[in-house]
Amino acid sequence: MTEPPPVDTELATRLRLVVGRLARRIRLAANDVPPLQLSVLATLDKHGPLRSGELAAREAVTAPTMTRVLSSLAERGLINREPDPTDARSVRVSLSPAGLQALARIRSERTALLGARVARLTAEQRASLVAALPALEALIEED
């Protein structure tokens, strides 16, 4: 059996710090929708209508937490609730047109913020980022 390669702790620490700080700055750019609510909107955008329990499982939160999140989103008109066609006791949640617009706006604002930061870099630094993207993308792949 081969030994796993040694961990480069300095690299891991620097990467953790820069990714965390950059993510925080991007999150703060469009913060009118709290993080969990935004995550729910993105999940609904990706997976389509889901039951509350399915959303809670995907977001790794309890059912009562998801109920509160969905109530807040419904109050803002960002989601629709419809009877589940396969189970009359259940409700499926989907994005409303306002939810789609809010999600698109937040994504656009965050992309613009990151784009402005990337534009400040030198051509060489931008080329380094492009070269690093496959490795960064590999870091987020599931095992």
N, C-alpha and C. Protein backbone atom coordinates (compact mmCIF):
# COMPACT_ATOMS: atom_id res chain seq x y z
N MET A 1 0.84 -1.17 0.00
CA MET A 1 0.00 0.00 0.00
C MET A 1 0.89 1.24 0.00
N THR A 2 0.55 2.22 -0.85
CA THR A 2 1.38 3.42 -0.91
C THR A 2 0.89 4.45 0.11
N GLU A 3 1.84 5.18 0.61
CA GLU A 3 1.56 6.24 1.58
C GLU A 3 0.93 7.43 0.86
N PRO A 4 -0.04 8.08 1.50
CA PRO A 4 -0.56 9.30 0.87
C PRO A 4 0.51 10.38 0.90
N PRO A 5 0.47 11.29 -0.07
CA PRO A 5 1.50 12.34 -0.09
C PRO A 5 1.38 13.21 1.17
N PRO A 6 2.48 13.78 1.61
CA PRO A 6 2.43 14.63 2.81
C PRO A 6 1.56 15.87 2.54
N VAL A 7 0.90 16.33 3.58
CA VAL A 7 0.05 17.50 3.46
C VAL A 7 0.93 18.75 3.55
N ASP A 8 0.73 19.65 2.61
CA ASP A 8 1.43 20.93 2.65
C ASP A 8 0.58 21.88 3.50
N THR A 9 0.88 21.94 4.79
CA THR A 9 0.04 22.70 5.71
C THR A 9 0.06 24.19 5.40
N GLU A 10 1.17 24.71 4.99
CA GLU A 10 1.21 26.14 4.67
C GLU A 10 0.30 26.46 3.49
N LEU A 11 0.37 25.63 2.46
CA LEU A 11 -0.51 25.82 1.29
C LEU A 11 -1.98 25.70 1.71
N ALA A 12 -2.29 24.69 2.48
CA ALA A 12 -3.68 24.49 2.91
C ALA A 12 -4.17 25.67 3.75
N THR A 13 -3.32 26.18 4.62
CA THR A 13 -3.70 27.32 5.46
C THR A 13 -3.92 28.57 4.62
N ARG A 14 -3.00 28.87 3.73
CA ARG A 14 -3.15 30.06 2.88
C ARG A 14 -4.38 29.95 2.00
N LEU A 15 -4.62 28.78 1.44
CA LEU A 15 -5.79 28.57 0.58
C LEU A 15 -7.08 28.73 1.38
N ARG A 16 -7.12 28.16 2.58
CA ARG A 16 -8.30 28.28 3.44
C ARG A 16 -8.59 29.74 3.75
N LEU A 17 -7.56 30.48 4.10
CA LEU A 17 -7.74 31.89 4.43
C LEU A 17 -8.22 32.72 3.24
N VAL A 18 -7.58 32.54 2.11
CA VAL A 18 -7.94 33.36 0.95
C VAL A 18 -9.33 33.00 0.42
N VAL A 19 -9.64 31.72 0.37
CA VAL A 19 -10.97 31.31 -0.10
C VAL A 19 -12.04 31.79 0.87
N GLY A 20 -11.80 31.64 2.16
CA GLY A 20 -12.77 32.07 3.16
C GLY A 20 -13.01 33.57 3.12
N ARG A 21 -11.94 34.34 3.05
CA ARG A 21 -12.08 35.81 3.03
C ARG A 21 -12.73 36.29 1.75
N LEU A 22 -12.36 35.69 0.64
CA LEU A 22 -12.96 36.08 -0.64
C LEU A 22 -14.45 35.73 -0.66
N ALA A 23 -14.78 34.55 -0.19
CA ALA A 23 -16.19 34.15 -0.13
C ALA A 23 -16.99 35.08 0.77
N ARG A 24 -16.40 35.49 1.89
CA ARG A 24 -17.09 36.41 2.80
C ARG A 24 -17.34 37.75 2.12
N ARG A 25 -16.34 38.28 1.44
CA ARG A 25 -16.52 39.57 0.76
C ARG A 25 -17.59 39.48 -0.32
N ILE A 26 -17.62 38.37 -1.03
CA ILE A 26 -18.64 38.19 -2.07
C ILE A 26 -20.02 38.08 -1.43
N ARG A 27 -20.12 37.31 -0.34
CA ARG A 27 -21.41 37.15 0.36
C ARG A 27 -21.94 38.48 0.85
N LEU A 28 -21.07 39.32 1.36
CA LEU A 28 -21.49 40.60 1.92
C LEU A 28 -21.92 41.59 0.84
N ALA A 29 -21.54 41.34 -0.40
CA ALA A 29 -21.87 42.27 -1.49
C ALA A 29 -23.37 42.37 -1.72
N ALA A 30 -24.06 41.27 -1.63
CA ALA A 30 -25.52 41.25 -1.85
C ALA A 30 -26.10 40.47 -0.70
N ASN A 31 -26.36 41.17 0.39
CA ASN A 31 -26.73 40.46 1.60
C ASN A 31 -28.17 40.72 2.03
N ASP A 32 -29.05 41.11 1.11
CA ASP A 32 -30.43 41.34 1.50
C ASP A 32 -31.21 40.04 1.67
N VAL A 33 -30.63 38.94 1.24
CA VAL A 33 -31.22 37.62 1.47
C VAL A 33 -30.22 36.84 2.32
N PRO A 34 -30.62 36.42 3.53
CA PRO A 34 -29.68 35.70 4.40
C PRO A 34 -29.13 34.44 3.73
N PRO A 35 -27.94 34.00 4.15
CA PRO A 35 -27.26 32.88 3.49
C PRO A 35 -28.09 31.61 3.34
N LEU A 36 -28.78 31.17 4.39
CA LEU A 36 -29.56 29.94 4.26
C LEU A 36 -30.73 30.12 3.30
N GLN A 37 -31.37 31.28 3.35
CA GLN A 37 -32.46 31.54 2.42
C GLN A 37 -31.94 31.55 0.98
N LEU A 38 -30.80 32.16 0.78
CA LEU A 38 -30.21 32.19 -0.56
C LEU A 38 -29.85 30.78 -1.03
N SER A 39 -29.32 29.99 -0.12
CA SER A 39 -28.98 28.61 -0.46
C SER A 39 -30.22 27.82 -0.86
N VAL A 40 -31.32 28.04 -0.16
CA VAL A 40 -32.58 27.36 -0.50
C VAL A 40 -33.04 27.79 -1.89
N LEU A 41 -32.96 29.08 -2.18
CA LEU A 41 -33.35 29.55 -3.52
C LEU A 41 -32.48 28.89 -4.59
N ALA A 42 -31.19 28.81 -4.34
CA ALA A 42 -30.27 28.19 -5.32
C ALA A 42 -30.57 26.69 -5.47
N THR A 43 -30.90 26.02 -4.38
CA THR A 43 -31.25 24.60 -4.44
C THR A 43 -32.51 24.39 -5.25
N LEU A 44 -33.51 25.24 -5.03
CA LEU A 44 -34.75 25.13 -5.81
C LEU A 44 -34.49 25.43 -7.28
N ASP A 45 -33.60 26.36 -7.55
CA ASP A 45 -33.26 26.67 -8.94
C ASP A 45 -32.60 25.47 -9.61
N LYS A 46 -31.74 24.80 -8.88
CA LYS A 46 -31.00 23.67 -9.45
C LYS A 46 -31.85 22.41 -9.57
N HIS A 47 -32.68 22.15 -8.55
CA HIS A 47 -33.39 20.86 -8.49
C HIS A 47 -34.88 20.93 -8.79
N GLY A 48 -35.42 22.12 -8.91
CA GLY A 48 -36.84 22.26 -9.16
C GLY A 48 -37.64 22.10 -7.88
N PRO A 49 -38.96 21.99 -8.00
CA PRO A 49 -39.82 21.90 -6.82
C PRO A 49 -39.44 20.73 -5.92
N LEU A 50 -39.41 21.01 -4.60
CA LEU A 50 -39.06 19.99 -3.61
C LEU A 50 -39.99 20.14 -2.41
N ARG A 51 -40.13 19.04 -1.67
CA ARG A 51 -40.84 19.09 -0.39
C ARG A 51 -39.93 19.73 0.65
N SER A 52 -40.56 20.24 1.70
CA SER A 52 -39.81 20.88 2.78
C SER A 52 -38.77 19.92 3.37
N GLY A 53 -39.16 18.67 3.59
CA GLY A 53 -38.23 17.69 4.16
C GLY A 53 -37.04 17.43 3.26
N GLU A 54 -37.29 17.41 1.95
CA GLU A 54 -36.18 17.22 1.00
C GLU A 54 -35.23 18.42 1.05
N LEU A 55 -35.81 19.62 1.15
CA LEU A 55 -34.97 20.81 1.25
C LEU A 55 -34.15 20.80 2.54
N ALA A 56 -34.81 20.42 3.64
CA ALA A 56 -34.10 20.37 4.92
C ALA A 56 -32.92 19.40 4.84
N ALA A 57 -33.13 18.25 4.22
CA ALA A 57 -32.05 17.27 4.09
C ALA A 57 -30.92 17.81 3.21
N ARG A 58 -31.27 18.43 2.09
CA ARG A 58 -30.25 18.97 1.20
C ARG A 58 -29.45 20.09 1.85
N GLU A 59 -30.12 20.88 2.69
CA GLU A 59 -29.47 22.01 3.34
C GLU A 59 -28.87 21.64 4.70
N ALA A 60 -29.08 20.39 5.12
CA ALA A 60 -28.55 19.88 6.40
C ALA A 60 -29.02 20.72 7.58
N VAL A 61 -30.34 20.98 7.60
CA VAL A 61 -30.96 21.69 8.72
C VAL A 61 -32.15 20.88 9.21
N THR A 62 -32.65 21.24 10.38
CA THR A 62 -33.82 20.54 10.92
C THR A 62 -35.09 21.00 10.21
N ALA A 63 -36.13 20.19 10.34
CA ALA A 63 -37.42 20.53 9.75
C ALA A 63 -37.96 21.87 10.28
N PRO A 64 -37.90 22.13 11.61
CA PRO A 64 -38.39 23.43 12.08
C PRO A 64 -37.61 24.62 11.51
N THR A 65 -36.31 24.45 11.35
CA THR A 65 -35.51 25.53 10.75
C THR A 65 -35.96 25.77 9.32
N MET A 66 -36.17 24.69 8.56
CA MET A 66 -36.60 24.85 7.18
C MET A 66 -37.98 25.50 7.11
N THR A 67 -38.86 25.15 8.04
CA THR A 67 -40.19 25.76 8.07
C THR A 67 -40.07 27.27 8.24
N ARG A 68 -39.20 27.72 9.14
CA ARG A 68 -39.00 29.16 9.35
C ARG A 68 -38.41 29.82 8.10
N VAL A 69 -37.45 29.17 7.48
CA VAL A 69 -36.83 29.72 6.26
C VAL A 69 -37.88 29.87 5.17
N LEU A 70 -38.68 28.82 4.97
CA LEU A 70 -39.70 28.87 3.93
C LEU A 70 -40.77 29.91 4.23
N SER A 71 -41.11 30.09 5.48
CA SER A 71 -42.07 31.13 5.85
C SER A 71 -41.53 32.51 5.48
N SER A 72 -40.26 32.75 5.78
CA SER A 72 -39.65 34.04 5.44
C SER A 72 -39.62 34.26 3.93
N LEU A 73 -39.25 33.22 3.20
CA LEU A 73 -39.20 33.34 1.73
C LEU A 73 -40.60 33.56 1.16
N ALA A 74 -41.59 32.89 1.72
CA ALA A 74 -42.97 33.05 1.26
C ALA A 74 -43.47 34.47 1.54
N GLU A 75 -43.15 35.00 2.73
CA GLU A 75 -43.55 36.37 3.08
C GLU A 75 -42.99 37.38 2.09
N ARG A 76 -41.81 37.11 1.59
CA ARG A 76 -41.16 38.02 0.62
C ARG A 76 -41.60 37.73 -0.81
N GLY A 77 -42.42 36.71 -0.99
CA GLY A 77 -42.91 36.37 -2.32
C GLY A 77 -41.87 35.70 -3.21
N LEU A 78 -40.85 35.08 -2.59
CA LEU A 78 -39.76 34.48 -3.36
C LEU A 78 -39.99 33.01 -3.71
N ILE A 79 -40.98 32.40 -3.07
CA ILE A 79 -41.29 30.99 -3.37
C ILE A 79 -42.80 30.83 -3.54
N ASN A 80 -43.15 29.74 -4.18
CA ASN A 80 -44.54 29.30 -4.30
C ASN A 80 -44.67 27.97 -3.57
N ARG A 81 -45.82 27.76 -2.99
CA ARG A 81 -46.14 26.47 -2.38
C ARG A 81 -47.33 25.90 -3.11
N GLU A 82 -47.18 24.63 -3.55
CA GLU A 82 -48.24 23.96 -4.29
C GLU A 82 -48.46 22.57 -3.70
N PRO A 83 -49.68 22.06 -3.78
CA PRO A 83 -49.91 20.69 -3.31
C PRO A 83 -49.02 19.71 -4.09
N ASP A 84 -48.52 18.72 -3.39
CA ASP A 84 -47.70 17.68 -4.03
C ASP A 84 -48.64 16.76 -4.79
N PRO A 85 -48.44 16.61 -6.10
CA PRO A 85 -49.35 15.76 -6.88
C PRO A 85 -49.31 14.28 -6.49
N THR A 86 -48.24 13.87 -5.81
CA THR A 86 -48.14 12.45 -5.43
C THR A 86 -48.54 12.18 -3.99
N ASP A 87 -48.74 13.25 -3.20
CA ASP A 87 -49.10 13.08 -1.79
C ASP A 87 -49.90 14.31 -1.35
N ALA A 88 -51.20 14.13 -1.21
CA ALA A 88 -52.09 15.25 -0.90
C ALA A 88 -51.77 15.90 0.45
N ARG A 89 -51.06 15.20 1.33
CA ARG A 89 -50.72 15.77 2.64
C ARG A 89 -49.49 16.66 2.56
N SER A 90 -48.76 16.62 1.47
CA SER A 90 -47.49 17.35 1.35
C SER A 90 -47.63 18.54 0.42
N VAL A 91 -46.67 19.44 0.58
CA VAL A 91 -46.59 20.63 -0.26
C VAL A 91 -45.22 20.65 -0.91
N ARG A 92 -45.20 21.05 -2.16
CA ARG A 92 -43.92 21.22 -2.86
C ARG A 92 -43.64 22.71 -2.97
N VAL A 93 -42.38 23.05 -2.84
CA VAL A 93 -41.95 24.44 -2.87
C VAL A 93 -41.18 24.67 -4.16
N SER A 94 -41.46 25.79 -4.81
CA SER A 94 -40.72 26.15 -6.02
C SER A 94 -40.42 27.64 -6.00
N LEU A 95 -39.54 28.06 -6.87
CA LEU A 95 -39.20 29.48 -6.98
C LEU A 95 -40.35 30.22 -7.65
N SER A 96 -40.66 31.38 -7.13
CA SER A 96 -41.62 32.27 -7.79
C SER A 96 -40.84 33.10 -8.81
N PRO A 97 -41.54 33.80 -9.69
CA PRO A 97 -40.82 34.71 -10.60
C PRO A 97 -39.96 35.72 -9.83
N ALA A 98 -40.46 36.23 -8.71
CA ALA A 98 -39.67 37.17 -7.90
C ALA A 98 -38.44 36.48 -7.31
N GLY A 99 -38.58 35.19 -6.94
CA GLY A 99 -37.44 34.44 -6.43
C GLY A 99 -36.38 34.24 -7.50
N LEU A 100 -36.82 33.93 -8.71
CA LEU A 100 -35.88 33.79 -9.82
C LEU A 100 -35.15 35.11 -10.07
N GLN A 101 -35.89 36.22 -10.03
CA GLN A 101 -35.28 37.54 -10.26
C GLN A 101 -34.29 37.87 -9.15
N ALA A 102 -34.66 37.61 -7.90
CA ALA A 102 -33.76 37.90 -6.78
C ALA A 102 -32.48 37.08 -6.90
N LEU A 103 -32.62 35.80 -7.21
CA LEU A 103 -31.46 34.93 -7.35
C LEU A 103 -30.55 35.41 -8.48
N ALA A 104 -31.15 35.77 -9.61
CA ALA A 104 -30.36 36.26 -10.76
C ALA A 104 -29.66 37.56 -10.41
N ARG A 105 -30.34 38.45 -9.70
CA ARG A 105 -29.75 39.73 -9.31
C ARG A 105 -28.56 39.52 -8.37
N ILE A 106 -28.75 38.69 -7.37
CA ILE A 106 -27.67 38.44 -6.40
C ILE A 106 -26.47 37.80 -7.09
N ARG A 107 -26.73 36.82 -7.93
CA ARG A 107 -25.62 36.19 -8.66
C ARG A 107 -24.90 37.20 -9.52
N SER A 108 -25.65 38.05 -10.20
CA SER A 108 -25.05 39.07 -11.07
C SER A 108 -24.21 40.06 -10.26
N GLU A 109 -24.75 40.52 -9.12
CA GLU A 109 -24.00 41.45 -8.27
C GLU A 109 -22.71 40.81 -7.76
N ARG A 110 -22.79 39.57 -7.37
CA ARG A 110 -21.60 38.90 -6.84
C ARG A 110 -20.58 38.64 -7.94
N THR A 111 -21.05 38.29 -9.12
CA THR A 111 -20.14 38.09 -10.25
C THR A 111 -19.46 39.40 -10.62
N ALA A 112 -20.22 40.50 -10.61
CA ALA A 112 -19.66 41.81 -10.92
C ALA A 112 -18.59 42.20 -9.90
N LEU A 113 -18.86 41.93 -8.62
CA LEU A 113 -17.89 42.25 -7.58
C LEU A 113 -16.60 41.46 -7.80
N LEU A 114 -16.75 40.17 -8.05
CA LEU A 114 -15.55 39.36 -8.28
C LEU A 114 -14.86 39.78 -9.57
N GLY A 115 -15.64 40.10 -10.59
CA GLY A 115 -15.05 40.57 -11.85
C GLY A 115 -14.23 41.83 -11.66
N ALA A 116 -14.72 42.74 -10.84
CA ALA A 116 -13.98 43.98 -10.58
C ALA A 116 -12.67 43.68 -9.85
N ARG A 117 -12.70 42.72 -8.94
CA ARG A 117 -11.47 42.35 -8.23
C ARG A 117 -10.48 41.68 -9.19
N VAL A 118 -10.99 40.82 -10.05
CA VAL A 118 -10.12 40.15 -11.02
C VAL A 118 -9.52 41.18 -11.99
N ALA A 119 -10.30 42.17 -12.36
CA ALA A 119 -9.82 43.20 -13.30
C ALA A 119 -8.65 44.00 -12.72
N ARG A 120 -8.56 44.06 -11.39
CA ARG A 120 -7.45 44.79 -10.76
C ARG A 120 -6.13 44.03 -10.85
N LEU A 121 -6.21 42.74 -11.15
CA LEU A 121 -5.00 41.91 -11.22
C LEU A 121 -4.23 42.19 -12.50
N THR A 122 -2.96 41.85 -12.49
CA THR A 122 -2.15 41.96 -13.71
C THR A 122 -2.56 40.85 -14.67
N ALA A 123 -2.18 40.98 -15.90
CA ALA A 123 -2.46 39.95 -16.90
C ALA A 123 -1.84 38.62 -16.48
N GLU A 124 -0.65 38.68 -15.90
CA GLU A 124 0.03 37.46 -15.44
C GLU A 124 -0.75 36.79 -14.30
N GLN A 125 -1.25 37.60 -13.37
CA GLN A 125 -2.03 37.06 -12.26
C GLN A 125 -3.34 36.44 -12.76
N ARG A 126 -3.99 37.09 -13.73
CA ARG A 126 -5.23 36.53 -14.29
C ARG A 126 -4.94 35.21 -15.00
N ALA A 127 -3.83 35.15 -15.71
CA ALA A 127 -3.45 33.90 -16.39
C ALA A 127 -3.19 32.80 -15.36
N SER A 128 -2.60 33.16 -14.23
CA SER A 128 -2.37 32.18 -13.16
C SER A 128 -3.68 31.66 -12.61
N LEU A 129 -4.67 32.56 -12.45
CA LEU A 129 -5.99 32.12 -11.99
C LEU A 129 -6.63 31.14 -12.98
N VAL A 130 -6.54 31.47 -14.25
CA VAL A 130 -7.10 30.58 -15.28
C VAL A 130 -6.43 29.21 -15.20
N ALA A 131 -5.13 29.21 -15.05
CA ALA A 131 -4.39 27.94 -14.97
C ALA A 131 -4.75 27.16 -13.71
N ALA A 132 -5.08 27.88 -12.61
CA ALA A 132 -5.40 27.21 -11.35
C ALA A 132 -6.85 26.71 -11.28
N LEU A 133 -7.72 27.20 -12.15
CA LEU A 133 -9.14 26.82 -12.06
C LEU A 133 -9.39 25.31 -12.06
N PRO A 134 -8.76 24.52 -12.94
CA PRO A 134 -9.02 23.07 -12.87
C PRO A 134 -8.68 22.46 -11.52
N ALA A 135 -7.59 22.90 -10.91
CA ALA A 135 -7.22 22.38 -9.60
C ALA A 135 -8.22 22.83 -8.54
N LEU A 136 -8.64 24.08 -8.59
CA LEU A 136 -9.63 24.58 -7.63
C LEU A 136 -10.96 23.86 -7.79
N GLU A 137 -11.37 23.65 -9.02
CA GLU A 137 -12.62 22.91 -9.28
C GLU A 137 -12.53 21.47 -8.77
N ALA A 138 -11.35 20.88 -8.88
CA ALA A 138 -11.17 19.50 -8.37
C ALA A 138 -11.31 19.46 -6.87
N LEU A 139 -10.99 20.55 -6.17
CA LEU A 139 -11.11 20.59 -4.72
C LEU A 139 -12.56 20.48 -4.25
N ILE A 140 -13.51 20.91 -5.08
CA ILE A 140 -14.91 20.88 -4.65
C ILE A 140 -15.66 19.66 -5.14
N GLU A 141 -15.00 18.80 -5.89
CA GLU A 141 -15.65 17.56 -6.34
C GLU A 141 -15.88 16.66 -5.14
N GLU A 142 -17.02 15.99 -5.15
CA GLU A 142 -17.34 15.03 -4.09
C GLU A 142 -16.45 13.81 -4.19
N ASP A 143 -16.15 13.22 -3.03
CA ASP A 143 -15.34 11.98 -3.02
C ASP A 143 -16.16 10.80 -3.47
